[in-house]
């Protein structure tokens, strides 16, 4: 059974960095079947694909966030992480990690974690 679980702070101050971790069980994050993706949903808005890490650790980011986003992985812990710098209140959202089956879309999702950016 594949499970994903997000973890990280629920509250971040403006201008600081946000770091979230997704812990994966049931499949190795080196499995070439999947890319490991971060998605967020701001209140009242649609899901936004932020970026992902795939085969060999290659990364891809949405252009609007590329300058502030970094996704990495720790294969020894079977985790991948999101690092978002210089956050503003507009980064307030529920953040999800998922396992994206290449060409077939997300197959497994974490439950999501609320992140609020506020002083």
PDB file of N, CA and C in Angstrom:
ATOM      1  N   UNK A   1       0.845  -1.190   0.000  1.00  0.00           N
ATOM      2  CA  UNK A   1       0.000   0.000   0.000  1.00  0.00           C
ATOM      3  C   UNK A   1       0.887   1.249   0.000  1.00  0.00           C
ATOM      4  N   UNK A   2       0.711   2.081  -0.993  1.00  0.00           N
ATOM      5  CA  UNK A   2       1.516   3.289  -1.109  1.00  0.00           C
ATOM      6  C   UNK A   2       0.866   4.402  -0.297  1.00  0.00           C
ATOM      7  N   UNK A   3       1.677   5.039   0.532  1.00  0.00           N
ATOM      8  CA  UNK A   3       1.195   6.164   1.323  1.00  0.00           C
ATOM      9  C   UNK A   3       2.191   7.312   1.257  1.00  0.00           C
ATOM     10  N   UNK A   4       1.659   8.518   1.250  1.00  0.00           N
ATOM     11  CA  UNK A   4       2.465   9.724   1.283  1.00  0.00           C
ATOM     12  C   UNK A   4       1.979  10.595   2.442  1.00  0.00           C
ATOM     13  N   UNK A   5       2.920  11.195   3.144  1.00  0.00           N
ATOM     14  CA  UNK A   5       2.567  12.023   4.295  1.00  0.00           C
ATOM     15  C   UNK A   5       3.412  13.283   4.298  1.00  0.00           C
ATOM     16  N   UNK A   6       2.730  14.440   4.223  1.00  0.00           N
ATOM     17  CA  UNK A   6       3.434  15.713   4.285  1.00  0.00           C
ATOM     18  C   UNK A   6       3.721  16.109   5.743  1.00  0.00           C
ATOM     19  N   UNK A   7       4.809  16.808   5.944  1.00  0.00           N
ATOM     20  CA  UNK A   7       5.113  17.344   7.268  1.00  0.00           C
ATOM     21  C   UNK A   7       5.863  18.652   7.118  1.00  0.00           C
ATOM     22  N   UNK A   8       5.682  19.509   8.117  1.00  0.00           N
ATOM     23  CA  UNK A   8       6.339  20.805   8.091  1.00  0.00           C
ATOM     24  C   UNK A   8       5.576  21.794   8.927  1.00  0.00           C
ATOM     25  N   UNK A   9       6.068  23.019   9.002  1.00  0.00           N
ATOM     26  CA  UNK A   9       5.421  24.020   9.841  1.00  0.00           C
ATOM     27  C   UNK A   9       4.093  24.470   9.266  1.00  0.00           C
ATOM     28  N   UNK A  10       3.161  24.757  10.137  1.00  0.00           N
ATOM     29  CA  UNK A  10       1.872  25.250   9.691  1.00  0.00           C
ATOM     30  C   UNK A  10       1.823  26.760   9.542  1.00  0.00           C
ATOM     31  N   UNK A  11       2.794  27.425  10.130  1.00  0.00           N
ATOM     32  CA  UNK A  11       2.821  28.883  10.102  1.00  0.00           C
ATOM     33  C   UNK A  11       4.226  29.358   9.781  1.00  0.00           C
ATOM     34  N   UNK A  12       4.324  30.228   8.792  1.00  0.00           N
ATOM     35  CA  UNK A  12       5.606  30.791   8.376  1.00  0.00           C
ATOM     36  C   UNK A  12       5.458  32.307   8.264  1.00  0.00           C
ATOM     37  N   UNK A  13       6.486  33.022   8.676  1.00  0.00           N
ATOM     38  CA  UNK A  13       6.431  34.481   8.598  1.00  0.00           C
ATOM     39  C   UNK A  13       6.805  34.956   7.198  1.00  0.00           C
ATOM     40  N   UNK A  14       6.224  36.058   6.768  1.00  0.00           N
ATOM     41  CA  UNK A  14       6.590  36.620   5.456  1.00  0.00           C
ATOM     42  C   UNK A  14       8.083  36.848   5.344  1.00  0.00           C
ATOM     43  N   UNK A  15       8.602  36.629   4.174  1.00  0.00           N
ATOM     44  CA  UNK A  15      10.009  36.761   3.780  1.00  0.00           C
ATOM     45  C   UNK A  15      10.860  35.564   4.200  1.00  0.00           C
ATOM     46  N   UNK A  16      10.322  34.700   5.035  1.00  0.00           N
ATOM     47  CA  UNK A  16      11.082  33.518   5.436  1.00  0.00           C
ATOM     48  C   UNK A  16      10.934  32.409   4.392  1.00  0.00           C
ATOM     49  N   UNK A  17      11.592  31.307   4.637  1.00  0.00           N
ATOM     50  CA  UNK A  17      11.522  30.153   3.739  1.00  0.00           C
ATOM     51  C   UNK A  17      10.618  29.083   4.336  1.00  0.00           C
ATOM     52  N   UNK A  18       9.952  28.389   3.442  1.00  0.00           N
ATOM     53  CA  UNK A  18       9.078  27.288   3.824  1.00  0.00           C
ATOM     54  C   UNK A  18       9.719  25.978   3.384  1.00  0.00           C
ATOM     55  N   UNK A  19       9.770  25.027   4.296  1.00  0.00           N
ATOM     56  CA  UNK A  19      10.287  23.700   3.944  1.00  0.00           C
ATOM     57  C   UNK A  19       9.277  22.643   4.363  1.00  0.00           C
ATOM     58  N   UNK A  20       8.910  21.812   3.411  1.00  0.00           N
ATOM     59  CA  UNK A  20       8.008  20.699   3.662  1.00  0.00           C
ATOM     60  C   UNK A  20       8.654  19.397   3.212  1.00  0.00           C
ATOM     61  N   UNK A  21       8.316  18.329   3.899  1.00  0.00           N
ATOM     62  CA  UNK A  21       8.839  17.011   3.552  1.00  0.00           C
ATOM     63  C   UNK A  21       7.688  16.055   3.296  1.00  0.00           C
ATOM     64  N   UNK A  22       7.855  15.210   2.312  1.00  0.00           N
ATOM     65  CA  UNK A  22       6.886  14.159   2.015  1.00  0.00           C
ATOM     66  C   UNK A  22       7.562  12.814   2.266  1.00  0.00           C
ATOM     67  N   UNK A  23       7.028  12.080   3.205  1.00  0.00           N
ATOM     68  CA  UNK A  23       7.547  10.753   3.517  1.00  0.00           C
ATOM     69  C   UNK A  23       6.710   9.711   2.781  1.00  0.00           C
ATOM     70  N   UNK A  24       7.390   8.870   2.023  1.00  0.00           N
ATOM     71  CA  UNK A  24       6.721   7.892   1.172  1.00  0.00           C
ATOM     72  C   UNK A  24       6.925   6.491   1.729  1.00  0.00           C
ATOM     73  N   UNK A  25       5.885   5.700   1.735  1.00  0.00           N
ATOM     74  CA  UNK A  25       5.990   4.291   2.116  1.00  0.00           C
ATOM     75  C   UNK A  25       5.266   3.445   1.083  1.00  0.00           C
ATOM     76  N   UNK A  26       5.716   2.219   0.961  1.00  0.00           N
ATOM     77  CA  UNK A  26       5.078   1.298   0.039  1.00  0.00           C
ATOM     78  C   UNK A  26       5.689   1.235  -1.345  1.00  0.00           C
ATOM     79  N   UNK A  27       6.548   2.220  -1.659  1.00  0.00           N
ATOM     80  CA  UNK A  27       7.253   2.238  -2.936  1.00  0.00           C
ATOM     81  C   UNK A  27       8.494   3.090  -2.752  1.00  0.00           C
ATOM     82  N   UNK A  28       9.545   2.751  -3.465  1.00  0.00           N
ATOM     83  CA  UNK A  28      10.772   3.536  -3.377  1.00  0.00           C
ATOM     84  C   UNK A  28      10.655   4.774  -4.253  1.00  0.00           C
ATOM     85  N   UNK A  29      11.166   5.893  -3.770  1.00  0.00           N
ATOM     86  CA  UNK A  29      11.128   7.116  -4.577  1.00  0.00           C
ATOM     87  C   UNK A  29      12.116   7.057  -5.737  1.00  0.00           C
ATOM     88  N   UNK A  30      12.913   5.991  -5.802  1.00  0.00           N
ATOM     89  CA  UNK A  30      13.771   5.787  -6.968  1.00  0.00           C
ATOM     90  C   UNK A  30      13.068   4.951  -8.035  1.00  0.00           C
ATOM     91  N   UNK A  31      11.851   4.524  -7.732  1.00  0.00           N
ATOM     92  CA  UNK A  31      11.062   3.777  -8.711  1.00  0.00           C
ATOM     93  C   UNK A  31      10.812   4.662  -9.924  1.00  0.00           C
ATOM     94  N   UNK A  32      11.201   4.200 -11.098  1.00  0.00           N
ATOM     95  CA  UNK A  32      11.093   5.025 -12.303  1.00  0.00           C
ATOM     96  C   UNK A  32       9.678   5.146 -12.837  1.00  0.00           C
ATOM     97  N   UNK A  33       8.735   4.471 -12.171  1.00  0.00           N
ATOM     98  CA  UNK A  33       7.334   4.569 -12.584  1.00  0.00           C
ATOM     99  C   UNK A  33       6.748   5.940 -12.272  1.00  0.00           C
ATOM    100  N   UNK A  34       7.332   6.600 -11.263  1.00  0.00           N
ATOM    101  CA  UNK A  34       6.703   7.820 -10.763  1.00  0.00           C
ATOM    102  C   UNK A  34       7.657   9.011 -10.761  1.00  0.00           C
ATOM    103  N   UNK A  35       7.052  10.184 -10.915  1.00  0.00           N
ATOM    104  CA  UNK A  35       7.691  11.438 -10.541  1.00  0.00           C
ATOM    105  C   UNK A  35       7.027  11.874  -9.233  1.00  0.00           C
ATOM    106  N   UNK A  36       7.788  12.558  -8.416  1.00  0.00           N
ATOM    107  CA  UNK A  36       7.316  12.939  -7.084  1.00  0.00           C
ATOM    108  C   UNK A  36       7.102  14.448  -7.092  1.00  0.00           C
ATOM    109  N   UNK A  37       5.864  14.815  -6.824  1.00  0.00           N
ATOM    110  CA  UNK A  37       5.379  16.153  -7.176  1.00  0.00           C
ATOM    111  C   UNK A  37       4.827  16.889  -5.960  1.00  0.00           C
ATOM    112  N   UNK A  38       4.987  18.220  -6.003  1.00  0.00           N
ATOM    113  CA  UNK A  38       4.339  19.101  -5.033  1.00  0.00           C
ATOM    114  C   UNK A  38       3.284  19.943  -5.746  1.00  0.00           C
ATOM    115  N   UNK A  39       2.126  20.008  -5.123  1.00  0.00           N
ATOM    116  CA  UNK A  39       0.980  20.760  -5.635  1.00  0.00           C
ATOM    117  C   UNK A  39       0.414  21.563  -4.469  1.00  0.00           C
ATOM    118  N   UNK A  40      -0.139  22.728  -4.741  1.00  0.00           N
ATOM    119  CA  UNK A  40      -0.763  23.481  -3.657  1.00  0.00           C
ATOM    120  C   UNK A  40      -2.109  24.035  -4.098  1.00  0.00           C
ATOM    121  N   UNK A  41      -2.933  24.354  -3.127  1.00  0.00           N
ATOM    122  CA  UNK A  41      -4.230  24.947  -3.406  1.00  0.00           C
ATOM    123  C   UNK A  41      -4.480  26.114  -2.461  1.00  0.00           C
ATOM    124  N   UNK A  42      -4.313  27.335  -2.953  1.00  0.00           N
ATOM    125  CA  UNK A  42      -4.637  28.501  -2.132  1.00  0.00           C
ATOM    126  C   UNK A  42      -6.141  28.557  -1.856  1.00  0.00           C
ATOM    127  N   UNK A  43      -6.550  29.230  -0.813  1.00  0.00           N
ATOM    128  CA  UNK A  43      -7.985  29.284  -0.501  1.00  0.00           C
ATOM    129  C   UNK A  43      -8.786  29.887  -1.644  1.00  0.00           C
ATOM    130  N   UNK A  44      -9.813  29.189  -2.055  1.00  0.00           N
ATOM    131  CA  UNK A  44     -10.695  29.659  -3.113  1.00  0.00           C
ATOM    132  C   UNK A  44     -10.139  29.569  -4.516  1.00  0.00           C
ATOM    133  N   UNK A  45      -8.969  28.928  -4.656  1.00  0.00           N
ATOM    134  CA  UNK A  45      -8.340  28.845  -5.973  1.00  0.00           C
ATOM    135  C   UNK A  45      -8.117  27.393  -6.386  1.00  0.00           C
ATOM    136  N   UNK A  46      -7.720  27.226  -7.629  1.00  0.00           N
ATOM    137  CA  UNK A  46      -7.509  25.881  -8.166  1.00  0.00           C
ATOM    138  C   UNK A  46      -6.168  25.310  -7.698  1.00  0.00           C
ATOM    139  N   UNK A  47      -6.034  24.025  -7.870  1.00  0.00           N
ATOM    140  CA  UNK A  47      -4.755  23.377  -7.598  1.00  0.00           C
ATOM    141  C   UNK A  47      -3.674  23.961  -8.504  1.00  0.00           C
ATOM    142  N   UNK A  48      -2.497  24.131  -7.956  1.00  0.00           N
ATOM    143  CA  UNK A  48      -1.362  24.652  -8.716  1.00  0.00           C
ATOM    144  C   UNK A  48      -0.205  23.667  -8.631  1.00  0.00           C
ATOM    145  N   UNK A  49       0.233  23.190  -9.796  1.00  0.00           N
ATOM    146  CA  UNK A  49       1.389  22.304  -9.847  1.00  0.00           C
ATOM    147  C   UNK A  49       2.642  23.128  -9.627  1.00  0.00           C
ATOM    148  N   UNK A  50       3.429  22.765  -8.634  1.00  0.00           N
ATOM    149  CA  UNK A  50       4.604  23.561  -8.298  1.00  0.00           C
ATOM    150  C   UNK A  50       5.884  23.016  -8.931  1.00  0.00           C
ATOM    151  N   UNK A  51       6.029  21.718  -8.906  1.00  0.00           N
ATOM    152  CA  UNK A  51       7.224  21.112  -9.459  1.00  0.00           C
ATOM    153  C   UNK A  51       7.351  19.676  -9.015  1.00  0.00           C
ATOM    154  N   UNK A  52       8.366  19.014  -9.539  1.00  0.00           N
ATOM    155  CA  UNK A  52       8.546  17.622  -9.190  1.00  0.00           C
ATOM    156  C   UNK A  52       9.974  17.164  -9.382  1.00  0.00           C
ATOM    157  N   UNK A  53      10.239  15.978  -8.875  1.00  0.00           N
ATOM    158  CA  UNK A  53      11.557  15.358  -9.008  1.00  0.00           C
ATOM    159  C   UNK A  53      11.350  13.948  -9.517  1.00  0.00           C
ATOM    160  N   UNK A  54      12.130  13.578 -10.517  1.00  0.00           N
ATOM    161  CA  UNK A  54      11.890  12.300 -11.160  1.00  0.00           C
ATOM    162  C   UNK A  54      13.119  11.447 -11.266  1.00  0.00           C
ATOM    163  N   UNK A  55      13.203  10.759 -12.394  1.00  0.00           N
ATOM    164  CA  UNK A  55      14.269   9.789 -12.614  1.00  0.00           C
ATOM    165  C   UNK A  55      15.637  10.432 -12.445  1.00  0.00           C
ATOM    166  N   UNK A  56      16.461   9.792 -11.650  1.00  0.00           N
ATOM    167  CA  UNK A  56      17.811  10.275 -11.449  1.00  0.00           C
ATOM    168  C   UNK A  56      17.909  11.566 -10.666  1.00  0.00           C
ATOM    169  N   UNK A  57      16.801  12.000 -10.100  1.00  0.00           N
ATOM    170  CA  UNK A  57      16.817  13.247  -9.350  1.00  0.00           C
ATOM    171  C   UNK A  57      16.602  14.478 -10.205  1.00  0.00           C
ATOM    172  N   UNK A  58      16.213  14.306 -11.437  1.00  0.00           N
ATOM    173  CA  UNK A  58      15.943  15.465 -12.298  1.00  0.00           C
ATOM    174  C   UNK A  58      14.724  16.215 -11.786  1.00  0.00           C
ATOM    175  N   UNK A  59      14.761  17.543 -11.896  1.00  0.00           N
ATOM    176  CA  UNK A  59      13.695  18.378 -11.362  1.00  0.00           C
ATOM    177  C   UNK A  59      13.062  19.240 -12.447  1.00  0.00           C
ATOM    178  N   UNK A  60      11.831  19.622 -12.175  1.00  0.00           N
ATOM    179  CA  UNK A  60      11.098  20.504 -13.065  1.00  0.00           C
ATOM    180  C   UNK A  60      10.212  21.388 -12.207  1.00  0.00           C
ATOM    181  N   UNK A  61      10.104  22.665 -12.592  1.00  0.00           N
ATOM    182  CA  UNK A  61       9.341  23.610 -11.784  1.00  0.00           C
ATOM    183  C   UNK A  61       8.415  24.426 -12.681  1.00  0.00           C
ATOM    184  N   UNK A  62       7.314  24.871 -12.079  1.00  0.00           N
ATOM    185  CA  UNK A  62       6.454  25.771 -12.822  1.00  0.00           C
ATOM    186  C   UNK A  62       7.166  27.117 -12.953  1.00  0.00           C
ATOM    187  N   UNK A  63       7.120  27.745 -14.131  1.00  0.00           N
ATOM    188  CA  UNK A  63       7.918  28.957 -14.366  1.00  0.00           C
ATOM    189  C   UNK A  63       7.690  30.072 -13.354  1.00  0.00           C
ATOM    190  N   UNK A  64       6.461  30.250 -12.917  1.00  0.00           N
ATOM    191  CA  UNK A  64       6.164  31.371 -12.024  1.00  0.00           C
ATOM    192  C   UNK A  64       6.800  31.218 -10.654  1.00  0.00           C
ATOM    193  N   UNK A  65       7.172  30.020 -10.283  1.00  0.00           N
ATOM    194  CA  UNK A  65       7.753  29.765  -8.965  1.00  0.00           C
ATOM    195  C   UNK A  65       9.208  29.315  -9.029  1.00  0.00           C
ATOM    196  N   UNK A  66       9.717  29.164 -10.221  1.00  0.00           N
ATOM    197  CA  UNK A  66      11.024  28.532 -10.398  1.00  0.00           C
ATOM    198  C   UNK A  66      12.132  29.237  -9.623  1.00  0.00           C
ATOM    199  N   UNK A  67      12.081  30.562  -9.574  1.00  0.00           N
ATOM    200  CA  UNK A  67      13.162  31.299  -8.912  1.00  0.00           C
ATOM    201  C   UNK A  67      13.146  31.128  -7.395  1.00  0.00           C
ATOM    202  N   UNK A  68      12.015  30.654  -6.840  1.00  0.00           N
ATOM    203  CA  UNK A  68      11.906  30.537  -5.383  1.00  0.00           C
ATOM    204  C   UNK A  68      11.795  29.091  -4.900  1.00  0.00           C
ATOM    205  N   UNK A  69      11.775  28.139  -5.828  1.00  0.00           N
ATOM    206  CA  UNK A  69      11.446  26.762  -5.468  1.00  0.00           C
ATOM    207  C   UNK A  69      12.609  25.814  -5.681  1.00  0.00           C
ATOM    208  N   UNK A  70      12.755  24.908  -4.745  1.00  0.00           N
ATOM    209  CA  UNK A  70      13.736  23.845  -4.890  1.00  0.00           C
ATOM    210  C   UNK A  70      13.115  22.554  -4.344  1.00  0.00           C
ATOM    211  N   UNK A  71      13.225  21.489  -5.135  1.00  0.00           N
ATOM    212  CA  UNK A  71      12.738  20.179  -4.703  1.00  0.00           C
ATOM    213  C   UNK A  71      13.920  19.219  -4.679  1.00  0.00           C
ATOM    214  N   UNK A  72      14.046  18.499  -3.597  1.00  0.00           N
ATOM    215  CA  UNK A  72      15.155  17.567  -3.430  1.00  0.00           C
ATOM    216  C   UNK A  72      14.630  16.259  -2.870  1.00  0.00           C
ATOM    217  N   UNK A  73      15.514  15.276  -2.786  1.00  0.00           N
ATOM    218  CA  UNK A  73      15.094  13.991  -2.255  1.00  0.00           C
ATOM    219  C   UNK A  73      16.179  13.400  -1.377  1.00  0.00           C
ATOM    220  N   UNK A  74      15.755  12.558  -0.449  1.00  0.00           N
ATOM    221  CA  UNK A  74      16.673  11.808   0.401  1.00  0.00           C
ATOM    222  C   UNK A  74      16.296  10.347   0.229  1.00  0.00           C
ATOM    223  N   UNK A  75      17.023   9.660  -0.613  1.00  0.00           N
ATOM    224  CA  UNK A  75      16.650   8.272  -0.914  1.00  0.00           C
ATOM    225  C   UNK A  75      16.841   7.354   0.293  1.00  0.00           C
ATOM    226  N   UNK A  76      17.754   7.715   1.200  1.00  0.00           N
ATOM    227  CA  UNK A  76      17.969   6.872   2.387  1.00  0.00           C
ATOM    228  C   UNK A  76      16.763   6.903   3.325  1.00  0.00           C
ATOM    229  N   UNK A  77      16.009   7.987   3.274  1.00  0.00           N
ATOM    230  CA  UNK A  77      14.825   8.113   4.117  1.00  0.00           C
ATOM    231  C   UNK A  77      13.530   7.934   3.321  1.00  0.00           C
ATOM    232  N   UNK A  78      13.665   7.754   2.014  1.00  0.00           N
ATOM    233  CA  UNK A  78      12.501   7.661   1.137  1.00  0.00           C
ATOM    234  C   UNK A  78      11.597   8.887   1.278  1.00  0.00           C
ATOM    235  N   UNK A  79      12.228  10.041   1.215  1.00  0.00           N
ATOM    236  CA  UNK A  79      11.526  11.316   1.362  1.00  0.00           C
ATOM    237  C   UNK A  79      11.911  12.259   0.228  1.00  0.00           C
ATOM    238  N   UNK A  80      11.010  13.158  -0.083  1.00  0.00           N
ATOM    239  CA  UNK A  80      11.373  14.274  -0.945  1.00  0.00           C
ATOM    240  C   UNK A  80      10.822  15.543  -0.320  1.00  0.00           C
ATOM    241  N   UNK A  81      11.468  16.657  -0.641  1.00  0.00           N
ATOM    242  CA  UNK A  81      11.189  17.888   0.083  1.00  0.00           C
ATOM    243  C   UNK A  81      10.977  19.063  -0.858  1.00  0.00           C
ATOM    244  N   UNK A  82      10.246  20.024  -0.338  1.00  0.00           N
ATOM    245  CA  UNK A  82       9.992  21.291  -1.027  1.00  0.00           C
ATOM    246  C   UNK A  82      10.597  22.413  -0.208  1.00  0.00           C
ATOM    247  N   UNK A  83      11.300  23.296  -0.876  1.00  0.00           N
ATOM    248  CA  UNK A  83      11.849  24.477  -0.222  1.00  0.00           C
ATOM    249  C   UNK A  83      11.407  25.690  -1.027  1.00  0.00           C
ATOM    250  N   UNK A  84      10.671  26.582  -0.388  1.00  0.00           N
ATOM    251  CA  UNK A  84      10.140  27.769  -1.058  1.00  0.00           C
ATOM    252  C   UNK A  84      10.636  29.005  -0.304  1.00  0.00           C
ATOM    253  N   UNK A  85      11.348  29.856  -0.980  1.00  0.00           N
ATOM    254  CA  UNK A  85      11.958  31.016  -0.325  1.00  0.00           C
ATOM    255  C   UNK A  85      11.075  32.260  -0.449  1.00  0.00           C
ATOM    256  N   UNK A  86      11.383  33.234   0.380  1.00  0.00           N
ATOM    257  CA  UNK A  86      10.763  34.564   0.314  1.00  0.00           C
ATOM    258  C   UNK A  86       9.238  34.492   0.242  1.00  0.00           C
ATOM    259  N   UNK A  87       8.643  33.784   1.169  1.00  0.00           N
ATOM    260  CA  UNK A  87       7.200  33.570   1.107  1.00  0.00           C
ATOM    261  C   UNK A  87       6.446  34.862   1.425  1.00  0.00           C
ATOM    262  N   UNK A  88       5.256  34.956   0.873  1.00  0.00           N
ATOM    263  CA  UNK A  88       4.332  36.059   1.132  1.00  0.00           C
ATOM    264  C   UNK A  88       2.986  35.450   1.508  1.00  0.00           C
ATOM    265  N   UNK A  89       2.044  36.266   1.957  1.00  0.00           N
ATOM    266  CA  UNK A  89       0.715  35.720   2.275  1.00  0.00           C
ATOM    267  C   UNK A  89       0.062  34.991   1.096  1.00  0.00           C
ATOM    268  N   UNK A  90       0.469  35.339  -0.112  1.00  0.00           N
ATOM    269  CA  UNK A  90      -0.074  34.658  -1.292  1.00  0.00           C
ATOM    270  C   UNK A  90       0.376  33.204  -1.393  1.00  0.00           C
ATOM    271  N   UNK A  91       1.351  32.831  -0.608  1.00  0.00           N
ATOM    272  CA  UNK A  91       1.789  31.427  -0.577  1.00  0.00           C
ATOM    273  C   UNK A  91       0.993  30.607   0.434  1.00  0.00           C
ATOM    274  N   UNK A  92       0.055  31.231   1.114  1.00  0.00           N
ATOM    275  CA  UNK A  92      -0.831  30.496   2.007  1.00  0.00           C
ATOM    276  C   UNK A  92      -1.667  29.515   1.192  1.00  0.00           C
ATOM    277  N   UNK A  93      -1.628  28.246   1.579  1.00  0.00           N
ATOM    278  CA  UNK A  93      -2.306  27.213   0.794  1.00  0.00           C
ATOM    279  C   UNK A  93      -2.258  25.888   1.545  1.00  0.00           C
ATOM    280  N   UNK A  94      -3.026  24.947   1.040  1.00  0.00           N
ATOM    281  CA  UNK A  94      -2.837  23.558   1.435  1.00  0.00           C
ATOM    282  C   UNK A  94      -1.841  22.961   0.447  1.00  0.00           C
ATOM    283  N   UNK A  95      -0.795  22.388   0.970  1.00  0.00           N
ATOM    284  CA  UNK A  95       0.277  21.816   0.149  1.00  0.00           C
ATOM    285  C   UNK A  95       0.146  20.290   0.158  1.00  0.00           C
ATOM    286  N   UNK A  96       0.194  19.733  -1.043  1.00  0.00           N
ATOM    287  CA  UNK A  96       0.076  18.285  -1.225  1.00  0.00           C
ATOM    288  C   UNK A  96       1.300  17.734  -1.929  1.00  0.00           C
ATOM    289  N   UNK A  97       1.675  16.528  -1.569  1.00  0.00           N
ATOM    290  CA  UNK A  97       2.641  15.795  -2.378  1.00  0.00           C
ATOM    291  C   UNK A  97       1.905  14.644  -3.065  1.00  0.00           C
ATOM    292  N   UNK A  98       2.388  14.287  -4.224  1.00  0.00           N
ATOM    293  CA  UNK A  98       1.776  13.145  -4.905  1.00  0.00           C
ATOM    294  C   UNK A  98       2.793  12.370  -5.732  1.00  0.00           C
ATOM    295  N   UNK A  99       2.399  11.162  -6.064  1.00  0.00           N
ATOM    296  CA  UNK A  99       3.190  10.309  -6.943  1.00  0.00           C
ATOM    297  C   UNK A  99       2.521  10.342  -8.308  1.00  0.00           C
ATOM    298  N   UNK A 100       3.200  10.931  -9.262  1.00  0.00           N
ATOM    299  CA  UNK A 100       2.636  11.111 -10.599  1.00  0.00           C
ATOM    300  C   UNK A 100       3.146  10.009 -11.517  1.00  0.00           C
ATOM    301  N   UNK A 101       2.194   9.265 -12.051  1.00  0.00           N
ATOM    302  CA  UNK A 101       2.545   8.192 -12.970  1.00  0.00           C
ATOM    303  C   UNK A 101       2.701   8.797 -14.355  1.00  0.00           C
ATOM    304  N   UNK A 102       3.901   8.811 -14.847  1.00  0.00           N
ATOM    305  CA  UNK A 102       4.222   9.508 -16.084  1.00  0.00           C
ATOM    306  C   UNK A 102       3.169   9.296 -17.172  1.00  0.00           C
ATOM    307  N   UNK A 103       2.593  10.405 -17.608  1.00  0.00           N
ATOM    308  CA  UNK A 103       1.605  10.346 -18.678  1.00  0.00           C
ATOM    309  C   UNK A 103       0.211   9.970 -18.233  1.00  0.00           C
ATOM    310  N   UNK A 104       0.077   9.490 -17.005  1.00  0.00           N
ATOM    311  CA  UNK A 104      -1.239   9.045 -16.541  1.00  0.00           C
ATOM    312  C   UNK A 104      -1.763   9.883 -15.386  1.00  0.00           C
ATOM    313  N   UNK A 105      -0.978  10.874 -14.946  1.00  0.00           N
ATOM    314  CA  UNK A 105      -1.445  11.736 -13.880  1.00  0.00           C
ATOM    315  C   UNK A 105      -1.151  11.200 -12.499  1.00  0.00           C
ATOM    316  N   UNK A 106      -1.514  11.968 -11.470  1.00  0.00           N
ATOM    317  CA  UNK A 106      -1.251  11.564 -10.089  1.00  0.00           C
ATOM    318  C   UNK A 106      -1.979  10.283  -9.729  1.00  0.00           C
ATOM    319  N   UNK A 107      -1.246   9.383  -9.067  1.00  0.00           N
ATOM    320  CA  UNK A 107      -1.866   8.116  -8.673  1.00  0.00           C
ATOM    321  C   UNK A 107      -2.057   8.035  -7.160  1.00  0.00           C
ATOM    322  N   UNK A 108      -1.136   8.611  -6.432  1.00  0.00           N
ATOM    323  CA  UNK A 108      -1.231   8.605  -4.975  1.00  0.00           C
ATOM    324  C   UNK A 108      -1.013  10.021  -4.458  1.00  0.00           C
ATOM    325  N   UNK A 109      -1.786  10.346  -3.413  1.00  0.00           N
ATOM    326  CA  UNK A 109      -1.724  11.686  -2.828  1.00  0.00           C
ATOM    327  C   UNK A 109      -1.490  11.613  -1.324  1.00  0.00           C
ATOM    328  N   UNK A 110      -0.798  12.598  -0.814  1.00  0.00           N
ATOM    329  CA  UNK A 110      -0.795  12.812   0.613  1.00  0.00           C
ATOM    330  C   UNK A 110      -2.087  13.497   1.020  1.00  0.00           C
ATOM    331  N   UNK A 111      -2.321  13.584   2.307  1.00  0.00           N
ATOM    332  CA  UNK A 111      -3.561  14.172   2.800  1.00  0.00           C
ATOM    333  C   UNK A 111      -3.545  15.691   2.740  1.00  0.00           C
ATOM    334  N   UNK A 112      -2.376  16.275   2.561  1.00  0.00           N
ATOM    335  CA  UNK A 112      -2.261  17.723   2.488  1.00  0.00           C
ATOM    336  C   UNK A 112      -1.929  18.326   3.843  1.00  0.00           C
ATOM    337  N   UNK A 113      -1.234  19.452   3.793  1.00  0.00           N
ATOM    338  CA  UNK A 113      -0.902  20.168   5.019  1.00  0.00           C
ATOM    339  C   UNK A 113      -1.134  21.667   4.806  1.00  0.00           C
ATOM    340  N   UNK A 114      -1.808  22.279   5.736  1.00  0.00           N
ATOM    341  CA  UNK A 114      -2.105  23.703   5.645  1.00  0.00           C
ATOM    342  C   UNK A 114      -0.881  24.510   6.040  1.00  0.00           C
ATOM    343  N   UNK A 115      -0.510  25.441   5.206  1.00  0.00           N
ATOM    344  CA  UNK A 115       0.561  26.377   5.519  1.00  0.00           C
ATOM    345  C   UNK A 115      -0.003  27.793   5.425  1.00  0.00           C
ATOM    346  N   UNK A 116       0.158  28.531   6.469  1.00  0.00           N
ATOM    347  CA  UNK A 116      -0.291  29.921   6.514  1.00  0.00           C
ATOM    348  C   UNK A 116       0.918  30.828   6.636  1.00  0.00           C
ATOM    349  N   UNK A 117       0.963  31.835   5.785  1.00  0.00           N
ATOM    350  CA  UNK A 117       2.042  32.821   5.850  1.00  0.00           C
ATOM    351  C   UNK A 117       1.478  34.084   6.480  1.00  0.00           C
ATOM    352  N   UNK A 118       1.966  34.387   7.655  1.00  0.00           N
ATOM    353  CA  UNK A 118       1.442  35.523   8.399  1.00  0.00           C
ATOM    354  C   UNK A 118       2.446  35.942   9.453  1.00  0.00           C
ATOM    355  N   UNK A 119       2.459  37.240   9.718  1.00  0.00           N
ATOM    356  CA  UNK A 119       3.323  37.733  10.776  1.00  0.00           C
ATOM    357  C   UNK A 119       2.619  37.669  12.127  1.00  0.00           C
TER     358      UNK A 119
END
